[in-house]
């Protein structure tokens, strides 16, 4: 074999080898497949759910009374109750120094006795005047004077009786008594204090009765009726039952809300002045629901992800209603025949490719 033929054979073999190498990588020019997220889906379902109105309000006394005395310038001798004391109707609460009033009462009794004696004397003189007038031993003018003295004595007796009654009344005012049974909620008096008429000494929650006052929107107002049950959550987590006592007939034109009042027969740990959230049952309704997990909030708005063509999702803004357990009411935005992403919805974006698997 000549050198020229040998060189030609080597070139042919090299070309064949290069061709074989390039043919051994058929997938080198193919783009990798796009990755997808594994999700579960659910369809909207219609079911009956309990309707309720959620409102926030404050706990207050049903009637809180300001208690004081009708006397001025007397010193407090004793305060018989503390804040939180339960009292019965007529129970003494505050005692004032009675010495001055007792002296005035004795003076009134003495004046009354004197007036009675004067009336007896005037009656006797008038009776003698009748006899003397019949015998023509006194003049008609003298007889008229005796009769006038009788009337004057009777009037003085009435005035003395009124003064005696007034002194007894003032003596009674020296003891501040509970007008109703209830709980003392405030105290602004101390022994030794000189009181003035009408000044507040104590505050009393009548009957210890509390109520819950809350504002509800005008759209919810027609669904709330007196007698409806309300559930409040106490500060320790317990549920406190209440009953709607009254619904305000007027709506605030600024806030478009109205007040509702609920009696709390057993307030538990709730106290006047506390803030509490309440839930009012207002019947049932047939609504469309989805799992709560399927709803995501972005920029303050609720969204769901609906499965579209080629397993790509479309972000859909919706309107949600009341939540009940693991379900949430869907008022608009999703059709009944659409599939909505449940698990994994919080990690998706509009147009993402997903792989649907059976829910666990």
Foldseek 3Di string as FASTA:
>chain_A
DDPVVVVVVVVVVVVVVVVVVVVVCPCPVPDDDDDAAEFAWDFWDKDKDFDKDKWKFFKAFPDKDFFDFQDFQWFWADADDDAFDWDAAFAFGTATDCVVLVVQLVVLVVQLVVLVVQLVVLVVVLVVLVVCVVVVNDDPVVNVVSVVSNVVSVVSNVVSVVSNVVSVVVSVSSTGGHNHTFGWHDADDDGGDGDGGPDGGTMTRHVPKMKTKTKDALVCVVLDDFQFKKWKADPVGDIFIWTWHDWDPDADPVVRITMTIITGPCPDRHDGGDMIMMMTTRGMDIFIKDFPQQWDDDPRFTWWWWQDPPQWTAIWTFDWDDDDPRITGTPDTHDRPIMTTRPPRVVDDGGGHHDYDHDD
